[in-house]
N, C-alpha and C. Protein backbone atom coordinates (compact mmCIF):
# COMPACT_ATOMS: atom_id res chain seq x y z
N MET A 1 -16.50 -5.73 13.52
CA MET A 1 -16.00 -5.93 12.17
C MET A 1 -16.10 -4.66 11.34
N VAL A 2 -17.14 -3.88 11.57
CA VAL A 2 -17.30 -2.64 10.82
C VAL A 2 -16.15 -1.68 11.13
N ASN A 3 -15.76 -1.60 12.39
CA ASN A 3 -14.66 -0.71 12.76
C ASN A 3 -13.35 -1.16 12.12
N CYS A 4 -13.11 -2.46 12.05
CA CYS A 4 -11.90 -2.98 11.41
C CYS A 4 -11.91 -2.66 9.93
N ARG A 5 -13.05 -2.85 9.28
CA ARG A 5 -13.16 -2.58 7.85
C ARG A 5 -12.95 -1.09 7.58
N GLN A 6 -13.53 -0.27 8.42
CA GLN A 6 -13.38 1.18 8.27
C GLN A 6 -11.92 1.58 8.49
N LYS A 7 -11.28 0.98 9.48
CA LYS A 7 -9.87 1.26 9.75
C LYS A 7 -9.01 0.88 8.56
N LEU A 8 -9.28 -0.29 7.97
CA LEU A 8 -8.52 -0.73 6.80
C LEU A 8 -8.73 0.21 5.62
N ASP A 9 -9.99 0.56 5.36
CA ASP A 9 -10.30 1.45 4.25
C ASP A 9 -9.59 2.79 4.40
N GLU A 10 -9.64 3.36 5.58
CA GLU A 10 -9.01 4.66 5.83
C GLU A 10 -7.49 4.56 5.69
N THR A 11 -6.92 3.49 6.21
CA THR A 11 -5.47 3.33 6.15
C THR A 11 -4.99 3.17 4.71
N PHE A 12 -5.65 2.30 3.95
CA PHE A 12 -5.23 2.08 2.57
C PHE A 12 -5.46 3.32 1.71
N GLU A 13 -6.53 4.04 1.97
CA GLU A 13 -6.77 5.29 1.24
C GLU A 13 -5.64 6.28 1.51
N GLU A 14 -5.23 6.36 2.76
CA GLU A 14 -4.15 7.28 3.12
C GLU A 14 -2.81 6.82 2.53
N VAL A 15 -2.54 5.53 2.57
CA VAL A 15 -1.28 5.01 2.05
C VAL A 15 -1.19 5.21 0.54
N PHE A 16 -2.25 4.84 -0.18
CA PHE A 16 -2.20 4.90 -1.63
C PHE A 16 -2.41 6.30 -2.19
N SER A 17 -2.79 7.25 -1.34
CA SER A 17 -2.86 8.64 -1.81
C SER A 17 -1.54 9.37 -1.52
N ASN A 18 -0.63 8.70 -0.84
CA ASN A 18 0.67 9.30 -0.53
C ASN A 18 1.55 9.29 -1.77
N LYS A 19 2.08 10.44 -2.12
CA LYS A 19 2.89 10.56 -3.34
C LYS A 19 4.15 9.72 -3.29
N MET A 20 4.73 9.57 -2.10
CA MET A 20 5.95 8.80 -1.97
C MET A 20 5.70 7.32 -2.29
N VAL A 21 4.60 6.79 -1.80
CA VAL A 21 4.26 5.39 -2.06
C VAL A 21 3.95 5.18 -3.54
N LEU A 22 3.15 6.07 -4.11
CA LEU A 22 2.81 5.94 -5.52
C LEU A 22 4.03 6.07 -6.42
N SER A 23 4.92 6.99 -6.09
CA SER A 23 6.12 7.15 -6.92
C SER A 23 7.03 5.93 -6.81
N LYS A 24 7.09 5.31 -5.64
CA LYS A 24 7.89 4.09 -5.47
C LYS A 24 7.32 2.96 -6.32
N ILE A 25 6.00 2.80 -6.31
CA ILE A 25 5.37 1.75 -7.11
C ILE A 25 5.62 2.01 -8.58
N ARG A 26 5.41 3.23 -9.02
CA ARG A 26 5.57 3.56 -10.44
C ARG A 26 7.03 3.44 -10.88
N LYS A 27 7.95 3.77 -9.98
CA LYS A 27 9.37 3.63 -10.30
C LYS A 27 9.72 2.16 -10.53
N CYS A 28 9.13 1.29 -9.74
CA CYS A 28 9.37 -0.14 -9.91
C CYS A 28 8.81 -0.65 -11.23
N LEU A 29 7.79 0.01 -11.75
CA LEU A 29 7.14 -0.43 -12.98
C LEU A 29 7.70 0.25 -14.22
N TYR A 30 8.68 1.10 -14.05
CA TYR A 30 9.19 1.90 -15.17
C TYR A 30 9.68 1.04 -16.33
N GLN A 31 10.33 -0.08 -16.03
CA GLN A 31 10.89 -0.92 -17.09
C GLN A 31 9.89 -1.94 -17.62
N THR A 32 8.67 -1.88 -17.11
CA THR A 32 7.62 -2.79 -17.56
C THR A 32 6.98 -2.26 -18.83
N ASN A 33 6.51 -3.14 -19.66
CA ASN A 33 5.80 -2.77 -20.87
C ASN A 33 4.65 -1.82 -20.50
N ALA A 34 4.50 -0.74 -21.24
CA ALA A 34 3.50 0.29 -20.94
C ALA A 34 2.08 -0.27 -20.92
N ASN A 35 1.82 -1.27 -21.72
CA ASN A 35 0.48 -1.87 -21.76
C ASN A 35 0.14 -2.65 -20.49
N GLU A 36 1.14 -3.04 -19.75
CA GLU A 36 0.92 -3.86 -18.55
C GLU A 36 1.08 -3.10 -17.25
N ARG A 37 1.50 -1.86 -17.29
CA ARG A 37 1.79 -1.10 -16.06
C ARG A 37 0.58 -0.93 -15.16
N ASP A 38 -0.56 -0.57 -15.72
CA ASP A 38 -1.74 -0.34 -14.89
C ASP A 38 -2.17 -1.62 -14.18
N ASP A 39 -2.14 -2.73 -14.92
CA ASP A 39 -2.52 -4.01 -14.30
C ASP A 39 -1.54 -4.39 -13.19
N LEU A 40 -0.26 -4.23 -13.45
CA LEU A 40 0.74 -4.58 -12.44
C LEU A 40 0.68 -3.64 -11.24
N GLU A 41 0.40 -2.37 -11.49
CA GLU A 41 0.26 -1.43 -10.36
C GLU A 41 -0.90 -1.85 -9.46
N GLN A 42 -1.99 -2.27 -10.07
CA GLN A 42 -3.13 -2.74 -9.29
C GLN A 42 -2.77 -4.02 -8.52
N GLU A 43 -2.04 -4.92 -9.15
CA GLU A 43 -1.63 -6.15 -8.49
C GLU A 43 -0.70 -5.85 -7.30
N ILE A 44 0.19 -4.90 -7.45
CA ILE A 44 1.09 -4.52 -6.35
C ILE A 44 0.29 -3.97 -5.19
N LYS A 45 -0.68 -3.12 -5.49
CA LYS A 45 -1.53 -2.55 -4.43
C LYS A 45 -2.31 -3.65 -3.71
N ILE A 46 -2.81 -4.61 -4.47
CA ILE A 46 -3.54 -5.73 -3.85
C ILE A 46 -2.61 -6.53 -2.95
N LYS A 47 -1.39 -6.80 -3.39
CA LYS A 47 -0.43 -7.54 -2.57
C LYS A 47 -0.08 -6.77 -1.30
N ILE A 48 0.09 -5.46 -1.43
CA ILE A 48 0.38 -4.64 -0.25
C ILE A 48 -0.78 -4.75 0.74
N MET A 49 -1.99 -4.69 0.23
CA MET A 49 -3.16 -4.79 1.10
C MET A 49 -3.22 -6.17 1.76
N GLU A 50 -2.97 -7.23 1.00
CA GLU A 50 -3.01 -8.58 1.56
C GLU A 50 -1.96 -8.77 2.66
N LYS A 51 -0.77 -8.27 2.43
CA LYS A 51 0.33 -8.50 3.37
C LYS A 51 0.26 -7.59 4.59
N THR A 52 -0.34 -6.42 4.45
CA THR A 52 -0.36 -5.48 5.58
C THR A 52 -1.63 -5.52 6.40
N THR A 53 -2.68 -6.16 5.90
CA THR A 53 -3.94 -6.22 6.65
C THR A 53 -3.75 -6.80 8.05
N PRO A 54 -3.05 -7.93 8.21
CA PRO A 54 -2.86 -8.45 9.57
C PRO A 54 -2.06 -7.49 10.47
N ILE A 55 -1.13 -6.78 9.88
CA ILE A 55 -0.34 -5.83 10.67
C ILE A 55 -1.20 -4.66 11.12
N ILE A 56 -2.04 -4.17 10.23
CA ILE A 56 -2.90 -3.03 10.56
C ILE A 56 -3.90 -3.42 11.64
N LEU A 57 -4.43 -4.62 11.57
CA LEU A 57 -5.42 -5.05 12.55
C LEU A 57 -4.81 -5.43 13.89
N ASN A 58 -3.52 -5.65 13.92
CA ASN A 58 -2.83 -5.99 15.16
C ASN A 58 -2.63 -4.72 15.99
N ASN A 59 -2.83 -4.82 17.28
CA ASN A 59 -2.67 -3.65 18.15
C ASN A 59 -1.25 -3.11 18.18
N ASP A 60 -0.28 -3.96 17.89
CA ASP A 60 1.12 -3.54 17.94
C ASP A 60 1.62 -3.07 16.57
N SER A 61 0.70 -2.71 15.70
CA SER A 61 1.10 -2.33 14.35
C SER A 61 1.84 -1.00 14.34
N PRO A 62 2.75 -0.82 13.38
CA PRO A 62 3.46 0.45 13.27
C PRO A 62 2.52 1.54 12.77
N GLY A 63 2.86 2.78 13.02
CA GLY A 63 2.08 3.89 12.52
C GLY A 63 2.24 4.03 11.01
N LEU A 64 1.43 4.87 10.44
CA LEU A 64 1.45 5.04 8.99
C LEU A 64 2.82 5.49 8.51
N TRP A 65 3.42 6.46 9.19
CA TRP A 65 4.68 7.02 8.70
C TRP A 65 5.82 6.04 8.87
N SER A 66 5.82 5.24 9.90
CA SER A 66 6.87 4.23 10.00
C SER A 66 6.67 3.13 8.96
N PHE A 67 5.41 2.82 8.63
CA PHE A 67 5.15 1.87 7.55
C PHE A 67 5.68 2.41 6.23
N ILE A 68 5.37 3.66 5.93
CA ILE A 68 5.83 4.27 4.68
C ILE A 68 7.35 4.36 4.66
N TYR A 69 7.96 4.72 5.77
CA TYR A 69 9.43 4.80 5.83
C TYR A 69 10.04 3.44 5.56
N ASN A 70 9.53 2.39 6.19
CA ASN A 70 10.07 1.04 5.99
C ASN A 70 9.77 0.54 4.58
N PHE A 71 8.64 0.91 4.02
CA PHE A 71 8.27 0.51 2.67
C PHE A 71 9.20 1.13 1.63
N SER A 72 9.63 2.35 1.88
CA SER A 72 10.43 3.08 0.88
C SER A 72 11.90 2.68 0.88
N GLU A 73 12.33 1.91 1.84
CA GLU A 73 13.75 1.52 1.90
C GLU A 73 14.07 0.39 0.97
């Protein structure tokens, strides 16, 4: 379990530090009220984590760059 948790932490840190992913999230929030953007950005990140955790833990999961490429489309 520790290895899985470490793998998840490293993967999400790498994904959310990627400028392309962050710019995509922020672009989606551009038309949102400025007071709510930070909260919604956090909610989007949580949803991404919830939906991708099973994929990351699966042995047949895509690599980081294919995930980012598919996410940005």
